[in-house]
Amino acid sequence: RVPFLWIVDPIDGTSNFVHQIPGFTVSIALACRGELVLGVIYDP
């Protein structure tokens, strides 16, 4: 029932980050009333 919900994982792959292994990402999605409408994934 929420009109706009941002769903965020600030570091997906924290163990990779801690061990300085590439493959950690920023993940951001937007859902409108439970339906996913956009997604962004950034690999630093």
ModelCIF file with pLDDT and N, C-alpha, C, O atoms, coordinates in Angstrom:
data_MODEL
#
_entry.id   MODEL 
#
_entity.id                         1 
_entity.type                       polymer 
_entity.pdbx_number_of_molecules   1 
#
_entity_poly.entity_id                      1 
_entity_poly.type                           'polypeptide(L)' 
_entity_poly.nstd_linkage                   no 
_entity_poly.nstd_monomer                   no 
_entity_poly.pdbx_seq_one_letter_code       RVPFLWIVDPIDGTSNFVHQIPGFTVSIALACRGELVLGVIYDP 
_entity_poly.pdbx_seq_one_letter_code_can   RVPFLWIVDPIDGTSNFVHQIPGFTVSIALACRGELVLGVIYDP 
_entity_poly.pdbx_strand_id                 A 
#
loop_
_entity_poly_seq.entity_id 
_entity_poly_seq.num 
_entity_poly_seq.mon_id 
_entity_poly_seq.hetero 
1 1  ARG n 
1 2  VAL n 
1 3  PRO n 
1 4  PHE n 
1 5  LEU n 
1 6  TRP n 
1 7  ILE n 
1 8  VAL n 
1 9  ASP n 
1 10 PRO n 
1 11 ILE n 
1 12 ASP n 
1 13 GLY n 
1 14 THR n 
1 15 SER n 
1 16 ASN n 
1 17 PHE n 
1 18 VAL n 
1 19 HIS n 
1 20 GLN n 
1 21 ILE n 
1 22 PRO n 
1 23 GLY n 
1 24 PHE n 
1 25 THR n 
1 26 VAL n 
1 27 SER n 
1 28 ILE n 
1 29 ALA n 
1 30 LEU n 
1 31 ALA n 
1 32 CYS n 
1 33 ARG n 
1 34 GLY n 
1 35 GLU n 
1 36 LEU n 
1 37 VAL n 
1 38 LEU n 
1 39 GLY n 
1 40 VAL n 
1 41 ILE n 
1 42 TYR n 
1 43 ASP n 
1 44 PRO n 
#
_struct_asym.id          A 
_struct_asym.entity_id   1 
#
loop_
_ma_qa_metric.id 
_ma_qa_metric.mode 
_ma_qa_metric.name 
_ma_qa_metric.software_group_id 
_ma_qa_metric.type 
1 global pLDDT . pLDDT 
2 local  pLDDT . pLDDT 
#
_ma_qa_metric_global.metric_id      1 
_ma_qa_metric_global.metric_value   94.70 
_ma_qa_metric_global.model_id       1 
_ma_qa_metric_global.ordinal_id     1 
#
loop_
_ma_qa_metric_local.label_asym_id 
_ma_qa_metric_local.label_comp_id 
_ma_qa_metric_local.label_seq_id 
_ma_qa_metric_local.metric_id 
_ma_qa_metric_local.metric_value 
_ma_qa_metric_local.model_id 
_ma_qa_metric_local.ordinal_id 
A ARG 1  2 85.00 1 1  
A VAL 2  2 89.00 1 2  
A PRO 3  2 94.00 1 3  
A PHE 4  2 95.00 1 4  
A LEU 5  2 95.00 1 5  
A TRP 6  2 96.00 1 6  
A ILE 7  2 95.00 1 7  
A VAL 8  2 96.00 1 8  
A ASP 9  2 95.00 1 9  
A PRO 10 2 96.00 1 10 
A ILE 11 2 95.00 1 11 
A ASP 12 2 95.00 1 12 
A GLY 13 2 93.00 1 13 
A THR 14 2 91.00 1 14 
A SER 15 2 89.00 1 15 
A ASN 16 2 93.00 1 16 
A PHE 17 2 92.00 1 17 
A VAL 18 2 89.00 1 18 
A HIS 19 2 88.00 1 19 
A GLN 20 2 91.00 1 20 
A ILE 21 2 93.00 1 21 
A PRO 22 2 95.00 1 22 
A GLY 23 2 94.00 1 23 
A PHE 24 2 96.00 1 24 
A THR 25 2 97.00 1 25 
A VAL 26 2 98.00 1 26 
A SER 27 2 98.00 1 27 
A ILE 28 2 98.00 1 28 
A ALA 29 2 98.00 1 29 
A LEU 30 2 98.00 1 30 
A ALA 31 2 96.00 1 31 
A CYS 32 2 96.00 1 32 
A ARG 33 2 93.00 1 33 
A GLY 34 2 91.00 1 34 
A GLU 35 2 94.00 1 35 
A LEU 36 2 97.00 1 36 
A VAL 37 2 98.00 1 37 
A LEU 38 2 98.00 1 38 
A GLY 39 2 98.00 1 39 
A VAL 40 2 98.00 1 40 
A ILE 41 2 98.00 1 41 
A TYR 42 2 98.00 1 42 
A ASP 43 2 98.00 1 43 
A PRO 44 2 97.00 1 44 
#
loop_
_atom_site.group_PDB 
_atom_site.id 
_atom_site.type_symbol 
_atom_site.label_atom_id 
_atom_site.label_alt_id 
_atom_site.label_comp_id 
_atom_site.label_asym_id 
_atom_site.label_entity_id 
_atom_site.label_seq_id 
_atom_site.pdbx_PDB_ins_code 
_atom_site.Cartn_x 
_atom_site.Cartn_y 
_atom_site.Cartn_z 
_atom_site.occupancy 
_atom_site.B_iso_or_equiv 
_atom_site.pdbx_formal_charge 
_atom_site.auth_seq_id 
_atom_site.auth_comp_id 
_atom_site.auth_asym_id 
_atom_site.auth_atom_id 
_atom_site.pdbx_PDB_model_num 
ATOM 1   N N  . ARG A 1 1  ? 0.816  -1.211 0.000   1.00 85.00 ? 1  ARG A N  1 
ATOM 2   C CA . ARG A 1 1  ? 0.000  0.000  0.000   1.00 85.00 ? 1  ARG A CA 1 
ATOM 3   C C  . ARG A 1 1  ? 0.854  1.268  0.000   1.00 85.00 ? 1  ARG A C  1 
ATOM 4   O O  . ARG A 1 1  ? 0.321  2.372  -0.106  1.00 85.00 ? 1  ARG A O  1 
ATOM 5   N N  . VAL A 1 2  ? 2.168  1.116  0.117   1.00 89.00 ? 2  VAL A N  1 
ATOM 6   C CA . VAL A 1 2  ? 3.061  2.269  0.134   1.00 89.00 ? 2  VAL A CA 1 
ATOM 7   C C  . VAL A 1 2  ? 3.242  2.776  -1.298  1.00 89.00 ? 2  VAL A C  1 
ATOM 8   O O  . VAL A 1 2  ? 3.678  2.017  -2.163  1.00 89.00 ? 2  VAL A O  1 
ATOM 9   N N  . PRO A 1 3  ? 2.915  4.042  -1.563  1.00 94.00 ? 3  PRO A N  1 
ATOM 10  C CA . PRO A 1 3  ? 3.036  4.547  -2.942  1.00 94.00 ? 3  PRO A CA 1 
ATOM 11  C C  . PRO A 1 3  ? 4.447  4.458  -3.501  1.00 94.00 ? 3  PRO A C  1 
ATOM 12  O O  . PRO A 1 3  ? 4.636  4.085  -4.659  1.00 94.00 ? 3  PRO A O  1 
ATOM 13  N N  . PHE A 1 4  ? 5.460  4.807  -2.668  1.00 95.00 ? 4  PHE A N  1 
ATOM 14  C CA . PHE A 1 4  ? 6.844  4.759  -3.131  1.00 95.00 ? 4  PHE A CA 1 
ATOM 15  C C  . PHE A 1 4  ? 7.728  4.216  -2.010  1.00 95.00 ? 4  PHE A C  1 
ATOM 16  O O  . PHE A 1 4  ? 7.790  4.788  -0.922  1.00 95.00 ? 4  PHE A O  1 
ATOM 17  N N  . LEU A 1 5  ? 8.410  3.105  -2.291  1.00 95.00 ? 5  LEU A N  1 
ATOM 18  C CA . LEU A 1 5  ? 9.313  2.492  -1.319  1.00 95.00 ? 5  LEU A CA 1 
ATOM 19  C C  . LEU A 1 5  ? 10.670 2.264  -1.981  1.00 95.00 ? 5  LEU A C  1 
ATOM 20  O O  . LEU A 1 5  ? 10.783 1.509  -2.947  1.00 95.00 ? 5  LEU A O  1 
ATOM 21  N N  . TRP A 1 6  ? 11.693 2.925  -1.450  1.00 96.00 ? 6  TRP A N  1 
ATOM 22  C CA . TRP A 1 6  ? 13.064 2.712  -1.917  1.00 96.00 ? 6  TRP A CA 1 
ATOM 23  C C  . TRP A 1 6  ? 13.666 1.542  -1.140  1.00 96.00 ? 6  TRP A C  1 
ATOM 24  O O  . TRP A 1 6  ? 13.609 1.503  0.089   1.00 96.00 ? 6  TRP A O  1 
ATOM 25  N N  . ILE A 1 7  ? 14.244 0.592  -1.877  1.00 95.00 ? 7  ILE A N  1 
ATOM 26  C CA . ILE A 1 7  ? 14.812 -0.625 -1.286  1.00 95.00 ? 7  ILE A CA 1 
ATOM 27  C C  . ILE A 1 7  ? 16.307 -0.620 -1.584  1.00 95.00 ? 7  ILE A C  1 
ATOM 28  O O  . ILE A 1 7  ? 16.712 -0.641 -2.746  1.00 95.00 ? 7  ILE A O  1 
ATOM 29  N N  . VAL A 1 8  ? 17.126 -0.591 -0.534  1.00 96.00 ? 8  VAL A N  1 
ATOM 30  C CA . VAL A 1 8  ? 18.544 -0.277 -0.709  1.00 96.00 ? 8  VAL A CA 1 
ATOM 31  C C  . VAL A 1 8  ? 19.432 -1.293 0.008   1.00 96.00 ? 8  VAL A C  1 
ATOM 32  O O  . VAL A 1 8  ? 19.209 -1.622 1.173   1.00 96.00 ? 8  VAL A O  1 
ATOM 33  N N  . ASP A 1 9  ? 20.433 -1.778 -0.705  1.00 95.00 ? 9  ASP A N  1 
ATOM 34  C CA . ASP A 1 9  ? 21.556 -2.484 -0.083  1.00 95.00 ? 9  ASP A CA 1 
ATOM 35  C C  . ASP A 1 9  ? 22.786 -1.624 -0.342  1.00 95.00 ? 9  ASP A C  1 
ATOM 36  O O  . ASP A 1 9  ? 23.261 -1.560 -1.476  1.00 95.00 ? 9  ASP A O  1 
ATOM 37  N N  . PRO A 1 10 ? 23.314 -0.958 0.695   1.00 96.00 ? 10 PRO A N  1 
ATOM 38  C CA . PRO A 1 10 ? 24.418 -0.017 0.460   1.00 96.00 ? 10 PRO A CA 1 
ATOM 39  C C  . PRO A 1 10 ? 25.702 -0.695 -0.010  1.00 96.00 ? 10 PRO A C  1 
ATOM 40  O O  . PRO A 1 10 ? 26.429 -0.151 -0.840  1.00 96.00 ? 10 PRO A O  1 
ATOM 41  N N  . ILE A 1 11 ? 25.977 -1.887 0.523   1.00 95.00 ? 11 ILE A N  1 
ATOM 42  C CA . ILE A 1 11 ? 27.077 -2.711 0.005   1.00 95.00 ? 11 ILE A CA 1 
ATOM 43  C C  . ILE A 1 11 ? 26.579 -4.143 -0.055  1.00 95.00 ? 11 ILE A C  1 
ATOM 44  O O  . ILE A 1 11 ? 26.491 -4.811 0.976   1.00 95.00 ? 11 ILE A O  1 
ATOM 45  N N  . ASP A 1 12 ? 26.256 -4.619 -1.233  1.00 95.00 ? 12 ASP A N  1 
ATOM 46  C CA . ASP A 1 12 ? 25.932 -6.031 -1.401  1.00 95.00 ? 12 ASP A CA 1 
ATOM 47  C C  . ASP A 1 12 ? 27.237 -6.737 -1.746  1.00 95.00 ? 12 ASP A C  1 
ATOM 48  O O  . ASP A 1 12 ? 27.818 -6.521 -2.809  1.00 95.00 ? 12 ASP A O  1 
ATOM 49  N N  . GLY A 1 13 ? 27.679 -7.576 -0.834  1.00 93.00 ? 13 GLY A N  1 
ATOM 50  C CA . GLY A 1 13 ? 28.998 -8.182 -0.972  1.00 93.00 ? 13 GLY A CA 1 
ATOM 51  C C  . GLY A 1 13 ? 29.972 -7.582 0.023   1.00 93.00 ? 13 GLY A C  1 
ATOM 52  O O  . GLY A 1 13 ? 31.126 -7.311 -0.311  1.00 93.00 ? 13 GLY A O  1 
ATOM 53  N N  . THR A 1 14 ? 29.498 -7.372 1.263   1.00 91.00 ? 14 THR A N  1 
ATOM 54  C CA . THR A 1 14 ? 30.357 -6.769 2.289   1.00 91.00 ? 14 THR A CA 1 
ATOM 55  C C  . THR A 1 14 ? 31.612 -7.597 2.544   1.00 91.00 ? 14 THR A C  1 
ATOM 56  O O  . THR A 1 14 ? 32.684 -7.037 2.776   1.00 91.00 ? 14 THR A O  1 
ATOM 57  N N  . SER A 1 15 ? 31.491 -8.929 2.504   1.00 89.00 ? 15 SER A N  1 
ATOM 58  C CA . SER A 1 15 ? 32.688 -9.763 2.726   1.00 89.00 ? 15 SER A CA 1 
ATOM 59  C C  . SER A 1 15 ? 33.736 -9.502 1.653   1.00 89.00 ? 15 SER A C  1 
ATOM 60  O O  . SER A 1 15 ? 34.929 -9.472 1.956   1.00 89.00 ? 15 SER A O  1 
ATOM 61  N N  . ASN A 1 16 ? 33.313 -9.313 0.408   1.00 93.00 ? 16 ASN A N  1 
ATOM 62  C CA . ASN A 1 16 ? 34.262 -8.945 -0.647  1.00 93.00 ? 16 ASN A CA 1 
ATOM 63  C C  . ASN A 1 16 ? 34.940 -7.625 -0.303  1.00 93.00 ? 16 ASN A C  1 
ATOM 64  O O  . ASN A 1 16 ? 36.159 -7.496 -0.412  1.00 93.00 ? 16 ASN A O  1 
ATOM 65  N N  . PHE A 1 17 ? 34.140 -6.647 0.111   1.00 92.00 ? 17 PHE A N  1 
ATOM 66  C CA . PHE A 1 17 ? 34.692 -5.336 0.462   1.00 92.00 ? 17 PHE A CA 1 
ATOM 67  C C  . PHE A 1 17 ? 35.710 -5.459 1.586   1.00 92.00 ? 17 PHE A C  1 
ATOM 68  O O  . PHE A 1 17 ? 36.795 -4.884 1.503   1.00 92.00 ? 17 PHE A O  1 
ATOM 69  N N  . VAL A 1 18 ? 35.373 -6.202 2.635   1.00 89.00 ? 18 VAL A N  1 
ATOM 70  C CA . VAL A 1 18 ? 36.261 -6.348 3.791   1.00 89.00 ? 18 VAL A CA 1 
ATOM 71  C C  . VAL A 1 18 ? 37.584 -6.990 3.388   1.00 89.00 ? 18 VAL A C  1 
ATOM 72  O O  . VAL A 1 18 ? 38.644 -6.616 3.890   1.00 89.00 ? 18 VAL A O  1 
ATOM 73  N N  . HIS A 1 19 ? 37.512 -7.958 2.480   1.00 88.00 ? 19 HIS A N  1 
ATOM 74  C CA . HIS A 1 19 ? 38.723 -8.667 2.054   1.00 88.00 ? 19 HIS A CA 1 
ATOM 75  C C  . HIS A 1 19 ? 39.363 -8.054 0.804   1.00 88.00 ? 19 HIS A C  1 
ATOM 76  O O  . HIS A 1 19 ? 40.288 -8.621 0.222   1.00 88.00 ? 19 HIS A O  1 
ATOM 77  N N  . GLN A 1 20 ? 38.850 -6.881 0.404   1.00 91.00 ? 20 GLN A N  1 
ATOM 78  C CA . GLN A 1 20 ? 39.373 -6.135 -0.748  1.00 91.00 ? 20 GLN A CA 1 
ATOM 79  C C  . GLN A 1 20 ? 39.365 -6.973 -2.027  1.00 91.00 ? 20 GLN A C  1 
ATOM 80  O O  . GLN A 1 20 ? 40.319 -6.968 -2.805  1.00 91.00 ? 20 GLN A O  1 
ATOM 81  N N  . ILE A 1 21 ? 38.266 -7.687 -2.215  1.00 93.00 ? 21 ILE A N  1 
ATOM 82  C CA . ILE A 1 21 ? 38.041 -8.476 -3.427  1.00 93.00 ? 21 ILE A CA 1 
ATOM 83  C C  . ILE A 1 21 ? 36.981 -7.764 -4.261  1.00 93.00 ? 21 ILE A C  1 
ATOM 84  O O  . ILE A 1 21 ? 35.923 -7.443 -3.720  1.00 93.00 ? 21 ILE A O  1 
ATOM 85  N N  . PRO A 1 22 ? 37.202 -7.503 -5.529  1.00 95.00 ? 22 PRO A N  1 
ATOM 86  C CA . PRO A 1 22 ? 36.172 -6.859 -6.353  1.00 95.00 ? 22 PRO A CA 1 
ATOM 87  C C  . PRO A 1 22 ? 34.884 -7.682 -6.366  1.00 95.00 ? 22 PRO A C  1 
ATOM 88  O O  . PRO A 1 22 ? 34.905 -8.904 -6.221  1.00 95.00 ? 22 PRO A O  1 
ATOM 89  N N  . GLY A 1 23 ? 33.769 -6.981 -6.542  1.00 94.00 ? 23 GLY A N  1 
ATOM 90  C CA . GLY A 1 23 ? 32.493 -7.671 -6.614  1.00 94.00 ? 23 GLY A CA 1 
ATOM 91  C C  . GLY A 1 23 ? 31.513 -7.215 -5.555  1.00 94.00 ? 23 GLY A C  1 
ATOM 92  O O  . GLY A 1 23 ? 30.532 -7.910 -5.291  1.00 94.00 ? 23 GLY A O  1 
ATOM 93  N N  . PHE A 1 24 ? 31.750 -6.055 -4.932  1.00 96.00 ? 24 PHE A N  1 
ATOM 94  C CA . PHE A 1 24 ? 30.773 -5.466 -4.023  1.00 96.00 ? 24 PHE A CA 1 
ATOM 95  C C  . PHE A 1 24 ? 30.027 -4.366 -4.779  1.00 96.00 ? 24 PHE A C  1 
ATOM 96  O O  . PHE A 1 24 ? 30.613 -3.669 -5.607  1.00 96.00 ? 24 PHE A O  1 
ATOM 97  N N  . THR A 1 25 ? 28.754 -4.217 -4.495  1.00 97.00 ? 25 THR A N  1 
ATOM 98  C CA . THR A 1 25 ? 27.920 -3.324 -5.293  1.00 97.00 ? 25 THR A CA 1 
ATOM 99  C C  . THR A 1 25 ? 27.006 -2.472 -4.417  1.00 97.00 ? 25 THR A C  1 
ATOM 100 O O  . THR A 1 25 ? 26.750 -2.786 -3.254  1.00 97.00 ? 25 THR A O  1 
ATOM 101 N N  . VAL A 1 26 ? 26.530 -1.396 -5.008  1.00 98.00 ? 26 VAL A N  1 
ATOM 102 C CA . VAL A 1 26 ? 25.441 -0.599 -4.454  1.00 98.00 ? 26 VAL A CA 1 
ATOM 103 C C  . VAL A 1 26 ? 24.179 -0.986 -5.220  1.00 98.00 ? 26 VAL A C  1 
ATOM 104 O O  . VAL A 1 26 ? 24.168 -0.973 -6.450  1.00 98.00 ? 26 VAL A O  1 
ATOM 105 N N  . SER A 1 27 ? 23.114 -1.331 -4.490  1.00 98.00 ? 27 SER A N  1 
ATOM 106 C CA . SER A 1 27 ? 21.874 -1.780 -5.121  1.00 98.00 ? 27 SER A CA 1 
ATOM 107 C C  . SER A 1 27 ? 20.716 -0.913 -4.637  1.00 98.00 ? 27 SER A C  1 
ATOM 108 O O  . SER A 1 27 ? 20.470 -0.805 -3.436  1.00 98.00 ? 27 SER A O  1 
ATOM 109 N N  . ILE A 1 28 ? 20.005 -0.295 -5.586  1.00 98.00 ? 28 ILE A N  1 
ATOM 110 C CA . ILE A 1 28 ? 18.897 0.608  -5.271  1.00 98.00 ? 28 ILE A CA 1 
ATOM 111 C C  . ILE A 1 28 ? 17.717 0.269  -6.168  1.00 98.00 ? 28 ILE A C  1 
ATOM 112 O O  . ILE A 1 28 ? 17.859 0.208  -7.389  1.00 98.00 ? 28 ILE A O  1 
ATOM 113 N N  . ALA A 1 29 ? 16.557 0.048  -5.569  1.00 98.00 ? 29 ALA A N  1 
ATOM 114 C CA . ALA A 1 29 ? 15.336 -0.227 -6.336  1.00 98.00 ? 29 ALA A CA 1 
ATOM 115 C C  . ALA A 1 29 ? 14.212 0.649  -5.808  1.00 98.00 ? 29 ALA A C  1 
ATOM 116 O O  . ALA A 1 29 ? 14.261 1.132  -4.677  1.00 98.00 ? 29 ALA A O  1 
ATOM 117 N N  . LEU A 1 30 ? 13.206 0.844  -6.637  1.00 98.00 ? 30 LEU A N  1 
ATOM 118 C CA . LEU A 1 30 ? 12.013 1.586  -6.245  1.00 98.00 ? 30 LEU A CA 1 
ATOM 119 C C  . LEU A 1 30 ? 10.795 0.720  -6.540  1.00 98.00 ? 30 LEU A C  1 
ATOM 120 O O  . LEU A 1 30 ? 10.628 0.212  -7.648  1.00 98.00 ? 30 LEU A O  1 
ATOM 121 N N  . ALA A 1 31 ? 9.946  0.563  -5.523  1.00 96.00 ? 31 ALA A N  1 
ATOM 122 C CA . ALA A 1 31 ? 8.686  -0.177 -5.683  1.00 96.00 ? 31 ALA A CA 1 
ATOM 123 C C  . ALA A 1 31 ? 7.518  0.784  -5.470  1.00 96.00 ? 31 ALA A C  1 
ATOM 124 O O  . ALA A 1 31 ? 7.550  1.638  -4.584  1.00 96.00 ? 31 ALA A O  1 
ATOM 125 N N  . CYS A 1 32 ? 6.508  0.629  -6.286  1.00 96.00 ? 32 CYS A N  1 
ATOM 126 C CA . CYS A 1 32 ? 5.280  1.411  -6.164  1.00 96.00 ? 32 CYS A CA 1 
ATOM 127 C C  . CYS A 1 32 ? 4.142  0.452  -5.832  1.00 96.00 ? 32 CYS A C  1 
ATOM 128 O O  . CYS A 1 32 ? 3.744  -0.368 -6.659  1.00 96.00 ? 32 CYS A O  1 
ATOM 129 N N  . ARG A 1 33 ? 3.623  0.567  -4.603  1.00 93.00 ? 33 ARG A N  1 
ATOM 130 C CA . ARG A 1 33 ? 2.575  -0.327 -4.108  1.00 93.00 ? 33 ARG A CA 1 
ATOM 131 C C  . ARG A 1 33 ? 2.934  -1.798 -4.355  1.00 93.00 ? 33 ARG A C  1 
ATOM 132 O O  . ARG A 1 33 ? 2.115  -2.591 -4.822  1.00 93.00 ? 33 ARG A O  1 
ATOM 133 N N  . GLY A 1 34 ? 4.170  -2.127 -4.030  1.00 91.00 ? 34 GLY A N  1 
ATOM 134 C CA . GLY A 1 34 ? 4.624  -3.504 -4.111  1.00 91.00 ? 34 GLY A CA 1 
ATOM 135 C C  . GLY A 1 34 ? 5.121  -3.952 -5.460  1.00 91.00 ? 34 GLY A C  1 
ATOM 136 O O  . GLY A 1 34 ? 5.581  -5.086 -5.594  1.00 91.00 ? 34 GLY A O  1 
ATOM 137 N N  . GLU A 1 35 ? 5.046  -3.100 -6.470  1.00 94.00 ? 35 GLU A N  1 
ATOM 138 C CA . GLU A 1 35 ? 5.525  -3.455 -7.804  1.00 94.00 ? 35 GLU A CA 1 
ATOM 139 C C  . GLU A 1 35 ? 6.858  -2.760 -8.061  1.00 94.00 ? 35 GLU A C  1 
ATOM 140 O O  . GLU A 1 35 ? 6.961  -1.538 -7.953  1.00 94.00 ? 35 GLU A O  1 
ATOM 141 N N  . LEU A 1 36 ? 7.874  -3.545 -8.400  1.00 97.00 ? 36 LEU A N  1 
ATOM 142 C CA . LEU A 1 36 ? 9.179  -2.969 -8.697  1.00 97.00 ? 36 LEU A CA 1 
ATOM 143 C C  . LEU A 1 36 ? 9.127  -2.215 -10.022 1.00 97.00 ? 36 LEU A C  1 
ATOM 144 O O  . LEU A 1 36 ? 8.677  -2.751 -11.035 1.00 97.00 ? 36 LEU A O  1 
ATOM 145 N N  . VAL A 1 37 ? 9.595  -0.961 -10.006 1.00 98.00 ? 37 VAL A N  1 
ATOM 146 C CA . VAL A 1 37 ? 9.511  -0.144 -11.223 1.00 98.00 ? 37 VAL A CA 1 
ATOM 147 C C  . VAL A 1 37 ? 10.874 0.311  -11.727 1.00 98.00 ? 37 VAL A C  1 
ATOM 148 O O  . VAL A 1 37 ? 10.993 0.706  -12.887 1.00 98.00 ? 37 VAL A O  1 
ATOM 149 N N  . LEU A 1 38 ? 11.902 0.267  -10.890 1.00 98.00 ? 38 LEU A N  1 
ATOM 150 C CA . LEU A 1 38 ? 13.238 0.579  -11.395 1.00 98.00 ? 38 LEU A CA 1 
ATOM 151 C C  . LEU A 1 38 ? 14.281 -0.070 -10.501 1.00 98.00 ? 38 LEU A C  1 
ATOM 152 O O  . LEU A 1 38 ? 14.045 -0.338 -9.323  1.00 98.00 ? 38 LEU A O  1 
ATOM 153 N N  . GLY A 1 39 ? 15.446 -0.315 -11.098 1.00 98.00 ? 39 GLY A N  1 
ATOM 154 C CA . GLY A 1 39 ? 16.563 -0.880 -10.362 1.00 98.00 ? 39 GLY A CA 1 
ATOM 155 C C  . GLY A 1 39 ? 17.875 -0.335 -10.886 1.00 98.00 ? 39 GLY A C  1 
ATOM 156 O O  . GLY A 1 39 ? 18.052 -0.172 -12.093 1.00 98.00 ? 39 GLY A O  1 
ATOM 157 N N  . VAL A 1 40 ? 18.794 -0.055 -9.976  1.00 98.00 ? 40 VAL A N  1 
ATOM 158 C CA . VAL A 1 40 ? 20.131 0.435  -10.323 1.00 98.00 ? 40 VAL A CA 1 
ATOM 159 C C  . VAL A 1 40 ? 21.147 -0.364 -9.515  1.00 98.00 ? 40 VAL A C  1 
ATOM 160 O O  . VAL A 1 40 ? 20.994 -0.523 -8.304  1.00 98.00 ? 40 VAL A O  1 
ATOM 161 N N  . ILE A 1 41 ? 22.176 -0.861 -10.177 1.00 98.00 ? 41 ILE A N  1 
ATOM 162 C CA . ILE A 1 41 ? 23.265 -1.583 -9.516  1.00 98.00 ? 41 ILE A CA 1 
ATOM 163 C C  . ILE A 1 41 ? 24.580 -0.983 -9.995  1.00 98.00 ? 41 ILE A C  1 
ATOM 164 O O  . ILE A 1 41 ? 24.840 -0.904 -11.196 1.00 98.00 ? 41 ILE A O  1 
ATOM 165 N N  . TYR A 1 42 ? 25.396 -0.566 -9.050  1.00 98.00 ? 42 TYR A N  1 
ATOM 166 C CA . TYR A 1 42 ? 26.684 0.033  -9.388  1.00 98.00 ? 42 TYR A CA 1 
ATOM 167 C C  . TYR A 1 42 ? 27.808 -0.801 -8.801  1.00 98.00 ? 42 TYR A C  1 
ATOM 168 O O  . TYR A 1 42 ? 27.803 -1.127 -7.614  1.00 98.00 ? 42 TYR A O  1 
ATOM 169 N N  . ASP A 1 43 ? 28.768 -1.140 -9.644  1.00 98.00 ? 43 ASP A N  1 
ATOM 170 C CA . ASP A 1 43 ? 29.953 -1.901 -9.250  1.00 98.00 ? 43 ASP A CA 1 
ATOM 171 C C  . ASP A 1 43 ? 31.131 -0.926 -9.197  1.00 98.00 ? 43 ASP A C  1 
ATOM 172 O O  . ASP A 1 43 ? 31.703 -0.606 -10.239 1.00 98.00 ? 43 ASP A O  1 
ATOM 173 N N  . PRO A 1 44 ? 31.506 -0.445 -8.005  1.00 97.00 ? 44 PRO A N  1 
ATOM 174 C CA . PRO A 1 44 ? 32.590 0.537  -7.928  1.00 97.00 ? 44 PRO A CA 1 
ATOM 175 C C  . PRO A 1 44 ? 33.935 0.023  -8.424  1.00 97.00 ? 44 PRO A C  1 
ATOM 176 O O  . PRO A 1 44 ? 34.921 0.759  -8.408  1.00 97.00 ? 44 PRO A O  1 
#
